């Protein structure tokens, strides 16, 4: 069929739809920008923390956090990691592979 371009109701409807999509896109972009700023602030906070610890020197500086700031609670659970079951072809089922 041919497009009818002279129907004012359809033109208004299309304009309204475009405006709605534009507003939705702007809102999503704003959320993304906010998320970026939060991530940037977090990285900067970790960086300043690590630099502060490095100034202290010694064993404190040797154990700098990579992606987060270590707290006292983390130090309590540091050596108590949960053992995960092995996966993969050599998981040790005791079987003999292919017959």
C-alpha atoms as a PDB file:
ATOM      1  CA  UNK A   1       0.000   0.000   0.000  1.00  0.00           C
ATOM      2  CA  UNK A   2       0.938   3.589  -0.413  1.00  0.00           C
ATOM      3  CA  UNK A   3       1.800   5.826   2.507  1.00  0.00           C
ATOM      4  CA  UNK A   4      -0.682   8.536   3.257  1.00  0.00           C
ATOM      5  CA  UNK A   5       1.251  11.651   4.276  1.00  0.00           C
ATOM      6  CA  UNK A   6      -1.552  14.152   4.467  1.00  0.00           C
ATOM      7  CA  UNK A   7      -3.596  12.699   7.331  1.00  0.00           C
ATOM      8  CA  UNK A   8      -3.059  15.091  10.280  1.00  0.00           C
ATOM      9  CA  UNK A   9      -4.117  12.494  12.879  1.00  0.00           C
ATOM     10  CA  UNK A  10      -1.483  10.017  11.690  1.00  0.00           C
ATOM     11  CA  UNK A  11       1.170  12.728  11.551  1.00  0.00           C
ATOM     12  CA  UNK A  12       0.364  13.800  15.139  1.00  0.00           C
ATOM     13  CA  UNK A  13       0.466  10.169  16.257  1.00  0.00           C
ATOM     14  CA  UNK A  14       3.867   9.644  14.621  1.00  0.00           C
ATOM     15  CA  UNK A  15       5.242  12.844  16.159  1.00  0.00           C
ATOM     16  CA  UNK A  16       4.011  11.804  19.588  1.00  0.00           C
ATOM     17  CA  UNK A  17       5.599   8.354  19.185  1.00  0.00           C
ATOM     18  CA  UNK A  18       8.915   9.917  18.151  1.00  0.00           C
ATOM     19  CA  UNK A  19       8.855  12.297  21.113  1.00  0.00           C
ATOM     20  CA  UNK A  20       8.107   9.413  23.492  1.00  0.00           C
ATOM     21  CA  UNK A  21      10.982   7.337  22.104  1.00  0.00           C
ATOM     22  CA  UNK A  22      13.300  10.324  22.361  1.00  0.00           C
ATOM     23  CA  UNK A  23      12.357  10.889  26.013  1.00  0.00           C
ATOM     24  CA  UNK A  24      12.871   7.197  26.776  1.00  0.00           C
ATOM     25  CA  UNK A  25      16.283   7.256  25.117  1.00  0.00           C
ATOM     26  CA  UNK A  26      17.282  10.405  27.016  1.00  0.00           C
ATOM     27  CA  UNK A  27      16.287   8.800  30.301  1.00  0.00           C
ATOM     28  CA  UNK A  28      18.336   5.678  29.518  1.00  0.00           C
ATOM     29  CA  UNK A  29      21.332   7.808  28.577  1.00  0.00           C
ATOM     30  CA  UNK A  30      21.046   9.788  31.805  1.00  0.00           C
ATOM     31  CA  UNK A  31      21.014   6.552  33.819  1.00  0.00           C
ATOM     32  CA  UNK A  32      24.075   5.340  31.928  1.00  0.00           C
ATOM     33  CA  UNK A  33      25.944   8.587  32.592  1.00  0.00           C
ATOM     34  CA  UNK A  34      25.081   8.358  36.280  1.00  0.00           C
ATOM     35  CA  UNK A  35      26.308   4.764  36.397  1.00  0.00           C
ATOM     36  CA  UNK A  36      29.575   5.828  34.753  1.00  0.00           C
ATOM     37  CA  UNK A  37      30.085   8.571  37.319  1.00  0.00           C
ATOM     38  CA  UNK A  38      29.457   6.121  40.175  1.00  0.00           C
ATOM     39  CA  UNK A  39      31.980   3.656  38.739  1.00  0.00           C
ATOM     40  CA  UNK A  40      34.511   6.451  38.253  1.00  0.00           C
ATOM     41  CA  UNK A  41      34.083   7.649  41.842  1.00  0.00           C
ATOM     42  CA  UNK A  42      34.468   4.096  43.167  1.00  0.00           C
ATOM     43  CA  UNK A  43      37.690   3.540  41.197  1.00  0.00           C
ATOM     44  CA  UNK A  44      39.064   6.868  42.366  1.00  0.00           C
ATOM     45  CA  UNK A  45      38.224   5.985  45.966  1.00  0.00           C
ATOM     46  CA  UNK A  46      40.081   2.666  45.655  1.00  0.00           C
ATOM     47  CA  UNK A  47      43.030   4.396  44.024  1.00  0.00           C
ATOM     48  CA  UNK A  48      43.350   6.986  46.771  1.00  0.00           C
ATOM     49  CA  UNK A  49      43.017   4.241  49.397  1.00  0.00           C
ATOM     50  CA  UNK A  50      45.804   2.212  47.779  1.00  0.00           C
ATOM     51  CA  UNK A  51      48.060   5.258  47.509  1.00  0.00           C
ATOM     52  CA  UNK A  52      47.435   6.032  51.159  1.00  0.00           C
ATOM     53  CA  UNK A  53      48.371   2.472  52.146  1.00  0.00           C
ATOM     54  CA  UNK A  54      51.451   2.565  49.929  1.00  0.00           C
ATOM     55  CA  UNK A  55      52.657   5.676  51.781  1.00  0.00           C
ATOM     56  CA  UNK A  56      52.517   3.673  55.026  1.00  0.00           C
ATOM     57  CA  UNK A  57      54.812   1.022  53.530  1.00  0.00           C
ATOM     58  CA  UNK A  58      55.668  -2.354  54.982  1.00  0.00           C
ATOM     59  CA  UNK A  59      53.314  -5.324  54.867  1.00  0.00           C
ATOM     60  CA  UNK A  60      50.300  -3.038  54.618  1.00  0.00           C
ATOM     61  CA  UNK A  61      51.521  -1.701  51.282  1.00  0.00           C
ATOM     62  CA  UNK A  62      52.301  -5.198  50.013  1.00  0.00           C
ATOM     63  CA  UNK A  63      48.666  -6.276  50.379  1.00  0.00           C
ATOM     64  CA  UNK A  64      46.930  -3.596  48.358  1.00  0.00           C
ATOM     65  CA  UNK A  65      43.407  -4.312  47.204  1.00  0.00           C
ATOM     66  CA  UNK A  66      43.017  -4.799  43.470  1.00  0.00           C
ATOM     67  CA  UNK A  67      39.384  -3.877  42.857  1.00  0.00           C
ATOM     68  CA  UNK A  68      37.959  -3.062  46.273  1.00  0.00           C
ATOM     69  CA  UNK A  69      38.851  -1.691  49.659  1.00  0.00           C
ATOM     70  CA  UNK A  70      39.565  -4.455  52.160  1.00  0.00           C
ATOM     71  CA  UNK A  71      37.706  -4.077  55.451  1.00  0.00           C
ATOM     72  CA  UNK A  72      38.096  -5.758  58.835  1.00  0.00           C
ATOM     73  CA  UNK A  73      35.290  -8.211  57.986  1.00  0.00           C
ATOM     74  CA  UNK A  74      37.152  -9.289  54.839  1.00  0.00           C
ATOM     75  CA  UNK A  75      40.257 -10.007  56.879  1.00  0.00           C
ATOM     76  CA  UNK A  76      38.283 -12.362  59.142  1.00  0.00           C
ATOM     77  CA  UNK A  77      37.068 -14.463  56.198  1.00  0.00           C
ATOM     78  CA  UNK A  78      40.282 -14.176  54.177  1.00  0.00           C
ATOM     79  CA  UNK A  79      41.586 -17.747  54.521  1.00  0.00           C
ATOM     80  CA  UNK A  80      38.200 -19.456  54.671  1.00  0.00           C
ATOM     81  CA  UNK A  81      37.376 -19.844  50.990  1.00  0.00           C
ATOM     82  CA  UNK A  82      34.716 -22.318  50.005  1.00  0.00           C
ATOM     83  CA  UNK A  83      35.949 -25.314  48.006  1.00  0.00           C
ATOM     84  CA  UNK A  84      34.204 -25.652  44.683  1.00  0.00           C
ATOM     85  CA  UNK A  85      33.688 -29.009  43.000  1.00  0.00           C
ATOM     86  CA  UNK A  86      36.014 -29.637  40.099  1.00  0.00           C
ATOM     87  CA  UNK A  87      34.536 -29.459  36.652  1.00  0.00           C
ATOM     88  CA  UNK A  88      35.814 -30.509  33.276  1.00  0.00           C
ATOM     89  CA  UNK A  89      37.052 -33.692  31.622  1.00  0.00           C
ATOM     90  CA  UNK A  90      39.558 -34.497  34.374  1.00  0.00           C
ATOM     91  CA  UNK A  91      37.210 -33.974  37.301  1.00  0.00           C
ATOM     92  CA  UNK A  92      38.259 -37.268  38.835  1.00  0.00           C
ATOM     93  CA  UNK A  93      35.238 -39.509  38.718  1.00  0.00           C
ATOM     94  CA  UNK A  94      37.488 -42.576  38.836  1.00  0.00           C
ATOM     95  CA  UNK A  95      36.021 -43.929  35.602  1.00  0.00           C
ATOM     96  CA  UNK A  96      38.318 -44.698  32.748  1.00  0.00           C
ATOM     97  CA  UNK A  97      37.222 -42.420  29.959  1.00  0.00           C
ATOM     98  CA  UNK A  98      36.363 -44.040  26.610  1.00  0.00           C
ATOM     99  CA  UNK A  99      36.096 -47.835  26.442  1.00  0.00           C
END
